[in-house]
Amino acid sequence: MARLGNAFDATAHDTTQSDYSELPNGVYKLEIEASDVVPTKAGTGTILKTTMSVLEPESHKGRKLFTTYNLENQNPQAQEIGQKQFASLCRAIGVSSVEDSEDLHFHAFTAKIGLGKAQNGYPARAEVKRYYFEDEGNVPEPAVDAVQPTPAAAPANDNRQAAARPAASAAPAGGARKNPWSK
């Protein structure tokens, strides 16, 4: 048992719960508020994980978006994609050289957010589809798209075979099968 130190009064706090749905598709002004550099699952590369916070539109202010950038990977194509995405993030923020991921924190940038693809049994998640660059002068105002994708309905029958039943135990040597409660 661990003492809290003081009595905690749960009735003194707002317990409204969010549905934690994905961000709707749209253009958002964001900033990175946290980041971490970690090894890939296989331990052979490096990933930058970021936590982005929505600044605009106001209706979604404070919502979070979690992204990863594959900076080093044994697969050259995965590494190239990750580095291109990271370079686009840097350009959108206005940073040309990065030594520490904290150099990316709290710089506002604008990006198009859309729903990605469902993968490995996990539902689709919101992801950055495009970064907008100030130096091109085409940065749109943050807004949620008027038309949103409809989530895929769960199949009524996924057509998987029913789980195989264990084989019936062999009949006793006497020929007829006896019930366990019989003597």
N, C-alpha and C. Protein backbone atom coordinates (compact mmCIF):
# COMPACT_ATOMS: atom_id res chain seq x y z
N MET A 1 0.85 -1.16 0.00
CA MET A 1 0.00 0.00 0.00
C MET A 1 0.90 1.23 0.00
N ALA A 2 0.48 2.28 -0.72
CA ALA A 2 1.26 3.50 -0.78
C ALA A 2 0.39 4.69 -0.38
N ARG A 3 0.84 5.47 0.55
CA ARG A 3 0.10 6.65 1.02
C ARG A 3 0.28 7.78 0.01
N LEU A 4 -0.79 8.49 -0.25
CA LEU A 4 -0.77 9.61 -1.20
C LEU A 4 -0.19 10.88 -0.58
N GLY A 5 -0.10 10.93 0.71
CA GLY A 5 0.41 12.13 1.38
C GLY A 5 -0.73 13.00 1.87
N ASN A 6 -1.65 13.33 1.01
CA ASN A 6 -2.84 14.11 1.36
C ASN A 6 -4.05 13.35 0.87
N ALA A 7 -5.19 13.63 1.47
CA ALA A 7 -6.44 13.01 1.00
C ALA A 7 -6.79 13.63 -0.35
N PHE A 8 -7.10 12.80 -1.33
CA PHE A 8 -7.46 13.27 -2.67
C PHE A 8 -8.97 13.31 -2.77
N ASP A 9 -9.53 14.46 -3.17
CA ASP A 9 -10.97 14.62 -3.33
C ASP A 9 -11.30 14.58 -4.82
N ALA A 10 -11.74 13.45 -5.30
CA ALA A 10 -12.04 13.28 -6.73
C ALA A 10 -13.22 14.15 -7.17
N THR A 11 -14.10 14.52 -6.24
CA THR A 11 -15.27 15.33 -6.61
C THR A 11 -14.87 16.77 -6.91
N ALA A 12 -13.66 17.16 -6.58
CA ALA A 12 -13.20 18.53 -6.82
C ALA A 12 -12.60 18.70 -8.22
N HIS A 13 -12.65 17.66 -9.04
CA HIS A 13 -12.01 17.71 -10.35
C HIS A 13 -13.01 17.36 -11.45
N ASP A 14 -12.80 17.95 -12.61
CA ASP A 14 -13.62 17.66 -13.78
C ASP A 14 -13.26 16.27 -14.28
N THR A 15 -14.25 15.42 -14.43
CA THR A 15 -14.00 14.04 -14.89
C THR A 15 -14.59 13.79 -16.26
N THR A 16 -14.83 14.88 -17.01
CA THR A 16 -15.33 14.74 -18.37
C THR A 16 -14.29 13.99 -19.19
N GLN A 17 -14.73 12.98 -19.91
CA GLN A 17 -13.80 12.17 -20.69
C GLN A 17 -13.97 12.45 -22.17
N SER A 18 -12.86 12.42 -22.88
CA SER A 18 -12.87 12.64 -24.32
C SER A 18 -13.02 11.30 -25.03
N ASP A 19 -13.51 11.35 -26.26
CA ASP A 19 -13.65 10.11 -27.02
C ASP A 19 -12.34 9.74 -27.72
N TYR A 20 -11.35 10.62 -27.72
CA TYR A 20 -10.04 10.37 -28.31
C TYR A 20 -10.12 9.93 -29.78
N SER A 21 -11.07 10.49 -30.50
CA SER A 21 -11.16 10.19 -31.92
C SER A 21 -10.00 10.87 -32.64
N GLU A 22 -9.70 10.39 -33.83
CA GLU A 22 -8.62 10.97 -34.62
C GLU A 22 -8.99 12.39 -35.05
N LEU A 23 -7.97 13.21 -35.30
CA LEU A 23 -8.21 14.54 -35.81
C LEU A 23 -8.91 14.44 -37.15
N PRO A 24 -9.91 15.28 -37.40
CA PRO A 24 -10.54 15.25 -38.72
C PRO A 24 -9.58 15.79 -39.77
N ASN A 25 -9.78 15.38 -41.01
CA ASN A 25 -8.95 15.87 -42.11
C ASN A 25 -9.05 17.39 -42.20
N GLY A 26 -7.92 18.02 -42.49
CA GLY A 26 -7.92 19.47 -42.62
C GLY A 26 -6.51 20.03 -42.60
N VAL A 27 -6.43 21.35 -42.61
CA VAL A 27 -5.17 22.07 -42.53
C VAL A 27 -5.05 22.60 -41.11
N TYR A 28 -3.91 22.31 -40.46
CA TYR A 28 -3.72 22.68 -39.06
C TYR A 28 -2.43 23.46 -38.88
N LYS A 29 -2.46 24.39 -37.94
CA LYS A 29 -1.23 25.02 -37.47
C LYS A 29 -0.83 24.22 -36.24
N LEU A 30 0.41 23.72 -36.24
CA LEU A 30 0.90 22.82 -35.21
C LEU A 30 2.22 23.31 -34.65
N GLU A 31 2.64 22.71 -33.54
CA GLU A 31 3.99 22.88 -33.03
C GLU A 31 4.39 21.59 -32.35
N ILE A 32 5.68 21.29 -32.38
CA ILE A 32 6.20 20.12 -31.69
C ILE A 32 6.44 20.52 -30.24
N GLU A 33 5.86 19.76 -29.33
CA GLU A 33 6.04 20.08 -27.91
C GLU A 33 6.93 19.07 -27.20
N ALA A 34 7.15 17.91 -27.81
CA ALA A 34 8.01 16.90 -27.20
C ALA A 34 8.59 16.03 -28.30
N SER A 35 9.78 15.48 -28.04
CA SER A 35 10.40 14.60 -29.02
C SER A 35 11.36 13.65 -28.31
N ASP A 36 11.65 12.56 -28.99
CA ASP A 36 12.56 11.58 -28.44
C ASP A 36 13.20 10.82 -29.59
N VAL A 37 14.48 10.55 -29.49
CA VAL A 37 15.19 9.74 -30.48
C VAL A 37 15.38 8.36 -29.87
N VAL A 38 14.86 7.35 -30.58
CA VAL A 38 14.90 5.98 -30.06
C VAL A 38 15.36 5.02 -31.16
N PRO A 39 15.86 3.84 -30.76
CA PRO A 39 16.21 2.85 -31.78
C PRO A 39 14.96 2.25 -32.41
N THR A 40 15.11 1.76 -33.62
CA THR A 40 14.01 1.06 -34.27
C THR A 40 13.71 -0.22 -33.50
N LYS A 41 12.57 -0.83 -33.79
CA LYS A 41 12.19 -2.06 -33.09
C LYS A 41 13.27 -3.14 -33.22
N ALA A 42 13.88 -3.23 -34.40
CA ALA A 42 14.93 -4.22 -34.63
C ALA A 42 16.26 -3.80 -34.00
N GLY A 43 16.36 -2.54 -33.59
CA GLY A 43 17.59 -2.06 -32.98
C GLY A 43 18.69 -1.73 -33.97
N THR A 44 18.34 -1.66 -35.25
CA THR A 44 19.36 -1.42 -36.29
C THR A 44 19.27 -0.03 -36.90
N GLY A 45 18.40 0.83 -36.36
CA GLY A 45 18.24 2.16 -36.93
C GLY A 45 17.82 3.15 -35.87
N THR A 46 17.44 4.35 -36.31
CA THR A 46 17.07 5.42 -35.40
C THR A 46 15.77 6.06 -35.86
N ILE A 47 14.87 6.29 -34.91
CA ILE A 47 13.58 6.93 -35.17
C ILE A 47 13.47 8.17 -34.31
N LEU A 48 12.94 9.25 -34.88
CA LEU A 48 12.59 10.44 -34.12
C LEU A 48 11.09 10.39 -33.89
N LYS A 49 10.67 10.36 -32.63
CA LYS A 49 9.25 10.40 -32.29
C LYS A 49 8.92 11.81 -31.85
N THR A 50 7.80 12.35 -32.35
CA THR A 50 7.39 13.70 -31.96
C THR A 50 5.95 13.70 -31.47
N THR A 51 5.68 14.61 -30.57
CA THR A 51 4.32 14.89 -30.13
C THR A 51 4.02 16.31 -30.58
N MET A 52 3.04 16.43 -31.47
CA MET A 52 2.65 17.73 -31.99
C MET A 52 1.35 18.16 -31.32
N SER A 53 1.23 19.46 -31.10
CA SER A 53 0.03 20.02 -30.49
C SER A 53 -0.62 20.98 -31.48
N VAL A 54 -1.95 20.90 -31.60
CA VAL A 54 -2.69 21.78 -32.51
C VAL A 54 -2.79 23.17 -31.90
N LEU A 55 -2.42 24.18 -32.70
CA LEU A 55 -2.58 25.57 -32.30
C LEU A 55 -3.84 26.18 -32.92
N GLU A 56 -4.12 25.83 -34.17
CA GLU A 56 -5.31 26.29 -34.90
C GLU A 56 -5.76 25.17 -35.82
N PRO A 57 -7.05 25.05 -36.11
CA PRO A 57 -8.15 25.90 -35.73
C PRO A 57 -8.48 25.78 -34.24
N GLU A 58 -9.08 26.81 -33.73
CA GLU A 58 -9.39 26.93 -32.31
C GLU A 58 -10.21 25.76 -31.80
N SER A 59 -11.10 25.22 -32.64
CA SER A 59 -11.97 24.11 -32.23
C SER A 59 -11.20 22.84 -31.87
N HIS A 60 -9.96 22.74 -32.30
CA HIS A 60 -9.15 21.55 -32.01
C HIS A 60 -7.86 21.88 -31.26
N LYS A 61 -7.78 23.10 -30.74
CA LYS A 61 -6.59 23.55 -30.04
C LYS A 61 -6.26 22.62 -28.87
N GLY A 62 -4.99 22.25 -28.79
CA GLY A 62 -4.53 21.37 -27.71
C GLY A 62 -4.57 19.89 -28.03
N ARG A 63 -5.25 19.51 -29.11
CA ARG A 63 -5.28 18.10 -29.50
C ARG A 63 -3.88 17.67 -29.92
N LYS A 64 -3.58 16.40 -29.81
CA LYS A 64 -2.23 15.89 -30.07
C LYS A 64 -2.20 15.05 -31.35
N LEU A 65 -1.04 15.08 -31.97
CA LEU A 65 -0.75 14.24 -33.13
C LEU A 65 0.63 13.65 -32.90
N PHE A 66 0.75 12.34 -33.01
CA PHE A 66 2.01 11.65 -32.77
C PHE A 66 2.59 11.19 -34.10
N THR A 67 3.84 11.56 -34.34
CA THR A 67 4.48 11.20 -35.61
C THR A 67 5.85 10.57 -35.35
N THR A 68 6.32 9.82 -36.33
CA THR A 68 7.66 9.24 -36.27
C THR A 68 8.37 9.50 -37.59
N TYR A 69 9.66 9.70 -37.51
CA TYR A 69 10.50 9.91 -38.69
C TYR A 69 11.62 8.89 -38.65
N ASN A 70 11.72 8.08 -39.67
CA ASN A 70 12.71 7.01 -39.77
C ASN A 70 14.01 7.64 -40.28
N LEU A 71 14.89 8.03 -39.38
CA LEU A 71 16.11 8.76 -39.78
C LEU A 71 17.22 7.85 -40.27
N GLU A 72 17.37 6.68 -39.65
CA GLU A 72 18.38 5.71 -40.06
C GLU A 72 17.73 4.34 -40.08
N ASN A 73 17.92 3.62 -41.19
CA ASN A 73 17.30 2.31 -41.32
C ASN A 73 18.14 1.46 -42.26
N GLN A 74 18.17 0.16 -42.01
CA GLN A 74 18.91 -0.74 -42.90
C GLN A 74 18.28 -0.78 -44.29
N ASN A 75 16.96 -0.56 -44.35
CA ASN A 75 16.26 -0.52 -45.63
C ASN A 75 16.46 0.88 -46.22
N PRO A 76 17.20 0.99 -47.33
CA PRO A 76 17.49 2.32 -47.91
C PRO A 76 16.23 3.09 -48.29
N GLN A 77 15.19 2.40 -48.76
CA GLN A 77 13.97 3.09 -49.16
C GLN A 77 13.25 3.67 -47.93
N ALA A 78 13.18 2.91 -46.84
CA ALA A 78 12.56 3.40 -45.61
C ALA A 78 13.32 4.61 -45.09
N GLN A 79 14.63 4.56 -45.14
CA GLN A 79 15.45 5.68 -44.68
C GLN A 79 15.25 6.91 -45.56
N GLU A 80 15.21 6.72 -46.87
CA GLU A 80 15.01 7.84 -47.78
C GLU A 80 13.66 8.52 -47.54
N ILE A 81 12.60 7.73 -47.37
CA ILE A 81 11.27 8.29 -47.11
C ILE A 81 11.28 9.07 -45.80
N GLY A 82 11.84 8.47 -44.75
CA GLY A 82 11.88 9.13 -43.45
C GLY A 82 12.67 10.43 -43.49
N GLN A 83 13.80 10.43 -44.18
CA GLN A 83 14.62 11.64 -44.24
C GLN A 83 13.96 12.74 -45.07
N LYS A 84 13.22 12.36 -46.12
CA LYS A 84 12.48 13.36 -46.91
C LYS A 84 11.38 13.99 -46.06
N GLN A 85 10.67 13.15 -45.29
CA GLN A 85 9.62 13.68 -44.43
C GLN A 85 10.21 14.62 -43.38
N PHE A 86 11.35 14.22 -42.80
CA PHE A 86 11.99 15.04 -41.79
C PHE A 86 12.49 16.36 -42.38
N ALA A 87 13.06 16.31 -43.58
CA ALA A 87 13.52 17.52 -44.26
C ALA A 87 12.35 18.47 -44.53
N SER A 88 11.19 17.91 -44.90
CA SER A 88 10.00 18.74 -45.12
C SER A 88 9.54 19.39 -43.83
N LEU A 89 9.57 18.66 -42.73
CA LEU A 89 9.23 19.23 -41.42
C LEU A 89 10.18 20.38 -41.10
N CYS A 90 11.48 20.16 -41.27
CA CYS A 90 12.47 21.20 -40.97
C CYS A 90 12.23 22.44 -41.81
N ARG A 91 11.95 22.26 -43.09
CA ARG A 91 11.71 23.42 -43.97
C ARG A 91 10.44 24.16 -43.54
N ALA A 92 9.39 23.40 -43.17
CA ALA A 92 8.15 24.04 -42.73
C ALA A 92 8.35 24.85 -41.46
N ILE A 93 9.23 24.37 -40.58
CA ILE A 93 9.53 25.08 -39.33
C ILE A 93 10.47 26.25 -39.58
N GLY A 94 11.31 26.14 -40.61
CA GLY A 94 12.27 27.19 -40.91
C GLY A 94 13.64 26.90 -40.33
N VAL A 95 13.94 25.62 -40.16
CA VAL A 95 15.23 25.20 -39.60
C VAL A 95 15.97 24.44 -40.69
N SER A 96 17.23 24.79 -40.93
CA SER A 96 17.97 24.11 -42.00
C SER A 96 18.94 23.06 -41.48
N SER A 97 19.31 23.15 -40.21
CA SER A 97 20.25 22.20 -39.63
C SER A 97 19.79 21.87 -38.21
N VAL A 98 19.81 20.57 -37.88
CA VAL A 98 19.33 20.14 -36.57
C VAL A 98 20.36 19.22 -35.95
N GLU A 99 20.76 19.52 -34.71
CA GLU A 99 21.65 18.64 -33.96
C GLU A 99 20.92 17.98 -32.80
N ASP A 100 19.92 18.67 -32.26
CA ASP A 100 19.15 18.18 -31.11
C ASP A 100 17.67 18.33 -31.46
N SER A 101 16.88 17.31 -31.17
CA SER A 101 15.46 17.38 -31.52
C SER A 101 14.75 18.52 -30.82
N GLU A 102 15.29 19.01 -29.71
CA GLU A 102 14.68 20.15 -29.03
C GLU A 102 14.75 21.42 -29.87
N ASP A 103 15.63 21.45 -30.87
CA ASP A 103 15.70 22.59 -31.78
C ASP A 103 14.39 22.74 -32.57
N LEU A 104 13.59 21.70 -32.61
CA LEU A 104 12.34 21.70 -33.36
C LEU A 104 11.14 22.14 -32.52
N HIS A 105 11.32 22.21 -31.21
CA HIS A 105 10.20 22.47 -30.31
C HIS A 105 9.71 23.91 -30.39
N PHE A 106 8.39 24.05 -30.33
CA PHE A 106 7.68 25.32 -30.20
C PHE A 106 7.90 26.29 -31.34
N HIS A 107 8.06 25.75 -32.55
CA HIS A 107 8.07 26.55 -33.77
C HIS A 107 6.79 26.20 -34.53
N ALA A 108 5.91 27.17 -34.74
CA ALA A 108 4.65 26.91 -35.42
C ALA A 108 4.88 26.61 -36.90
N PHE A 109 4.12 25.67 -37.42
CA PHE A 109 4.14 25.34 -38.84
C PHE A 109 2.76 24.87 -39.26
N THR A 110 2.52 24.82 -40.55
CA THR A 110 1.21 24.43 -41.08
C THR A 110 1.34 23.16 -41.89
N ALA A 111 0.38 22.25 -41.69
CA ALA A 111 0.41 20.96 -42.39
C ALA A 111 -1.00 20.49 -42.69
N LYS A 112 -1.11 19.73 -43.75
CA LYS A 112 -2.37 19.05 -44.10
C LYS A 112 -2.37 17.72 -43.36
N ILE A 113 -3.43 17.47 -42.59
CA ILE A 113 -3.57 16.24 -41.83
C ILE A 113 -4.69 15.42 -42.47
N GLY A 114 -4.45 14.14 -42.64
CA GLY A 114 -5.45 13.25 -43.20
C GLY A 114 -5.36 11.89 -42.55
N LEU A 115 -6.37 11.11 -42.77
CA LEU A 115 -6.42 9.76 -42.21
C LEU A 115 -5.56 8.83 -43.05
N GLY A 116 -4.65 8.12 -42.39
CA GLY A 116 -3.79 7.16 -43.09
C GLY A 116 -4.52 5.85 -43.32
N LYS A 117 -3.76 4.82 -43.59
CA LYS A 117 -4.34 3.49 -43.84
C LYS A 117 -4.29 2.65 -42.57
N ALA A 118 -5.28 1.79 -42.41
CA ALA A 118 -5.26 0.84 -41.31
C ALA A 118 -4.13 -0.16 -41.58
N GLN A 119 -3.37 -0.51 -40.53
CA GLN A 119 -2.24 -1.42 -40.72
C GLN A 119 -2.14 -2.41 -39.58
N ASN A 120 -1.81 -3.63 -39.92
CA ASN A 120 -1.53 -4.69 -38.94
C ASN A 120 -2.63 -4.84 -37.90
N GLY A 121 -3.87 -4.71 -38.33
CA GLY A 121 -5.00 -4.88 -37.41
C GLY A 121 -5.33 -3.63 -36.62
N TYR A 122 -4.57 -2.54 -36.80
CA TYR A 122 -4.85 -1.29 -36.09
C TYR A 122 -5.67 -0.38 -36.99
N PRO A 123 -6.57 0.42 -36.42
CA PRO A 123 -7.38 1.32 -37.25
C PRO A 123 -6.52 2.44 -37.84
N ALA A 124 -7.06 3.09 -38.85
CA ALA A 124 -6.36 4.20 -39.50
C ALA A 124 -6.14 5.32 -38.49
N ARG A 125 -5.00 6.01 -38.62
CA ARG A 125 -4.65 7.11 -37.72
C ARG A 125 -4.41 8.38 -38.51
N ALA A 126 -4.61 9.50 -37.86
CA ALA A 126 -4.32 10.79 -38.49
C ALA A 126 -2.81 10.90 -38.69
N GLU A 127 -2.42 11.45 -39.83
CA GLU A 127 -1.00 11.61 -40.13
C GLU A 127 -0.80 12.84 -41.00
N VAL A 128 0.43 13.33 -41.02
CA VAL A 128 0.77 14.48 -41.87
C VAL A 128 0.80 14.01 -43.31
N LYS A 129 0.01 14.67 -44.14
CA LYS A 129 -0.03 14.35 -45.57
C LYS A 129 0.84 15.32 -46.37
N ARG A 130 0.95 16.57 -45.87
CA ARG A 130 1.70 17.59 -46.61
C ARG A 130 2.09 18.70 -45.65
N TYR A 131 3.31 19.21 -45.83
CA TYR A 131 3.77 20.39 -45.10
C TYR A 131 3.66 21.59 -46.03
N TYR A 132 3.31 22.75 -45.47
CA TYR A 132 3.28 23.98 -46.25
C TYR A 132 4.49 24.82 -45.86
N PHE A 133 5.11 25.43 -46.86
CA PHE A 133 6.35 26.17 -46.65
C PHE A 133 6.11 27.67 -46.80
N GLU A 134 6.51 28.42 -45.79
CA GLU A 134 6.36 29.89 -45.80
C GLU A 134 7.06 30.50 -47.01
N ASP A 135 8.22 29.95 -47.40
CA ASP A 135 8.99 30.54 -48.50
C ASP A 135 8.31 30.38 -49.86
N GLU A 136 7.28 29.54 -49.95
CA GLU A 136 6.53 29.41 -51.20
C GLU A 136 5.33 30.34 -51.23
N GLY A 137 4.94 30.87 -50.06
CA GLY A 137 3.84 31.82 -50.00
C GLY A 137 2.46 31.22 -50.24
N ASN A 138 2.33 29.91 -50.11
CA ASN A 138 1.03 29.28 -50.38
C ASN A 138 0.44 28.62 -49.14
N VAL A 139 0.70 29.18 -47.96
CA VAL A 139 0.23 28.57 -46.72
C VAL A 139 -1.24 28.92 -46.52
N PRO A 140 -2.12 27.91 -46.53
CA PRO A 140 -3.55 28.18 -46.35
C PRO A 140 -3.89 28.43 -44.88
N GLU A 141 -5.05 29.01 -44.65
CA GLU A 141 -5.53 29.22 -43.28
C GLU A 141 -5.95 27.88 -42.70
N PRO A 142 -5.67 27.65 -41.43
CA PRO A 142 -6.09 26.39 -40.80
C PRO A 142 -7.61 26.26 -40.81
N ALA A 143 -8.09 25.09 -41.19
CA ALA A 143 -9.52 24.80 -41.22
C ALA A 143 -9.73 23.30 -41.37
N VAL A 144 -10.81 22.82 -40.79
CA VAL A 144 -11.19 21.42 -40.94
C VAL A 144 -11.91 21.28 -42.27
N ASP A 145 -11.60 20.21 -43.01
CA ASP A 145 -12.25 19.96 -44.30
C ASP A 145 -13.76 19.78 -44.11
N ALA A 146 -14.53 20.32 -45.05
CA ALA A 146 -15.99 20.21 -44.97
C ALA A 146 -16.44 18.76 -45.15
N VAL A 147 -15.76 18.03 -46.02
CA VAL A 147 -16.12 16.64 -46.28
C VAL A 147 -15.08 15.73 -45.61
N GLN A 148 -15.55 14.81 -44.79
CA GLN A 148 -14.67 13.89 -44.08
C GLN A 148 -14.88 12.48 -44.61
N PRO A 149 -13.85 11.64 -44.58
CA PRO A 149 -14.03 10.25 -45.02
C PRO A 149 -14.94 9.52 -44.04
N THR A 150 -15.70 8.59 -44.58
CA THR A 150 -16.55 7.78 -43.70
C THR A 150 -15.74 6.57 -43.25
N PRO A 151 -15.78 6.27 -41.97
CA PRO A 151 -15.01 5.11 -41.50
C PRO A 151 -15.57 3.82 -42.11
N ALA A 152 -14.66 2.90 -42.38
CA ALA A 152 -15.07 1.62 -42.95
C ALA A 152 -15.90 0.87 -41.92
N ALA A 153 -17.02 0.34 -42.35
CA ALA A 153 -17.88 -0.43 -41.45
C ALA A 153 -17.24 -1.78 -41.16
N ALA A 154 -17.46 -2.26 -39.99
CA ALA A 154 -16.94 -3.58 -39.63
C ALA A 154 -17.70 -4.62 -40.45
N PRO A 155 -17.00 -5.60 -40.98
CA PRO A 155 -17.69 -6.61 -41.80
C PRO A 155 -18.65 -7.43 -40.95
N ALA A 156 -19.79 -7.78 -41.57
CA ALA A 156 -20.76 -8.61 -40.87
C ALA A 156 -20.19 -10.00 -40.66
N ASN A 157 -19.39 -10.45 -41.61
CA ASN A 157 -18.74 -11.75 -41.50
C ASN A 157 -17.38 -11.61 -42.16
N ASP A 158 -16.35 -11.87 -41.40
CA ASP A 158 -15.01 -11.69 -41.98
C ASP A 158 -14.52 -12.93 -42.73
N ASN A 159 -15.39 -13.92 -42.87
CA ASN A 159 -15.13 -15.13 -43.66
C ASN A 159 -13.94 -15.96 -43.17
N ARG A 160 -13.60 -15.81 -41.90
CA ARG A 160 -12.56 -16.67 -41.34
C ARG A 160 -13.19 -17.97 -40.89
N GLN A 161 -12.41 -19.04 -40.99
CA GLN A 161 -12.88 -20.33 -40.53
C GLN A 161 -13.03 -20.30 -39.01
N ALA A 162 -14.02 -21.00 -38.53
CA ALA A 162 -14.19 -21.11 -37.08
C ALA A 162 -12.97 -21.82 -36.51
N ALA A 163 -12.66 -21.50 -35.28
CA ALA A 163 -11.50 -22.14 -34.63
C ALA A 163 -11.68 -23.65 -34.65
N ALA A 164 -10.59 -24.34 -34.95
CA ALA A 164 -10.64 -25.80 -35.01
C ALA A 164 -10.91 -26.35 -33.61
N ARG A 165 -11.79 -27.34 -33.57
CA ARG A 165 -12.09 -27.97 -32.29
C ARG A 165 -11.04 -29.02 -32.00
N PRO A 166 -10.71 -29.22 -30.72
CA PRO A 166 -9.74 -30.27 -30.41
C PRO A 166 -10.31 -31.63 -30.78
N ALA A 167 -9.44 -32.51 -31.20
CA ALA A 167 -9.88 -33.85 -31.60
C ALA A 167 -10.49 -34.56 -30.40
N ALA A 168 -11.55 -35.33 -30.67
CA ALA A 168 -12.20 -36.09 -29.60
C ALA A 168 -11.22 -37.14 -29.08
N SER A 169 -11.25 -37.34 -27.78
CA SER A 169 -10.34 -38.32 -27.22
C SER A 169 -10.70 -39.71 -27.71
N ALA A 170 -9.70 -40.53 -27.82
CA ALA A 170 -9.92 -41.88 -28.34
C ALA A 170 -10.84 -42.66 -27.40
N ALA A 171 -11.61 -43.56 -27.98
CA ALA A 171 -12.53 -44.39 -27.19
C ALA A 171 -11.74 -45.35 -26.33
N PRO A 172 -12.26 -45.68 -25.12
CA PRO A 172 -11.56 -46.62 -24.26
C PRO A 172 -11.40 -47.97 -24.95
N ALA A 173 -10.45 -48.73 -24.46
CA ALA A 173 -10.11 -50.02 -25.06
C ALA A 173 -11.28 -50.97 -25.11
N GLY A 174 -12.24 -50.85 -24.23
CA GLY A 174 -13.37 -51.78 -24.18
C GLY A 174 -14.33 -51.57 -25.33
N GLY A 175 -14.14 -50.63 -26.18
CA GLY A 175 -15.01 -50.40 -27.33
C GLY A 175 -15.96 -49.26 -27.09
N ALA A 176 -16.84 -49.37 -26.10
CA ALA A 176 -17.82 -48.32 -25.85
C ALA A 176 -17.21 -47.24 -24.97
N ARG A 177 -17.60 -46.06 -25.23
CA ARG A 177 -17.09 -44.93 -24.46
C ARG A 177 -17.88 -44.82 -23.17
N LYS A 178 -17.19 -44.64 -22.06
CA LYS A 178 -17.86 -44.53 -20.77
C LYS A 178 -17.92 -43.08 -20.35
N ASN A 179 -19.00 -42.70 -19.70
CA ASN A 179 -19.11 -41.36 -19.14
C ASN A 179 -18.28 -41.30 -17.86
N PRO A 180 -17.65 -40.18 -17.58
CA PRO A 180 -16.78 -40.09 -16.42
C PRO A 180 -17.52 -40.31 -15.10
N TRP A 181 -18.80 -40.01 -15.05
CA TRP A 181 -19.53 -40.16 -13.79
C TRP A 181 -20.04 -41.58 -13.60
N SER A 182 -19.92 -42.42 -14.62
CA SER A 182 -20.36 -43.82 -14.51
C SER A 182 -19.29 -44.64 -13.85
N LYS A 183 -19.73 -45.69 -13.11
CA LYS A 183 -18.77 -46.60 -12.50
C LYS A 183 -18.91 -47.98 -13.02
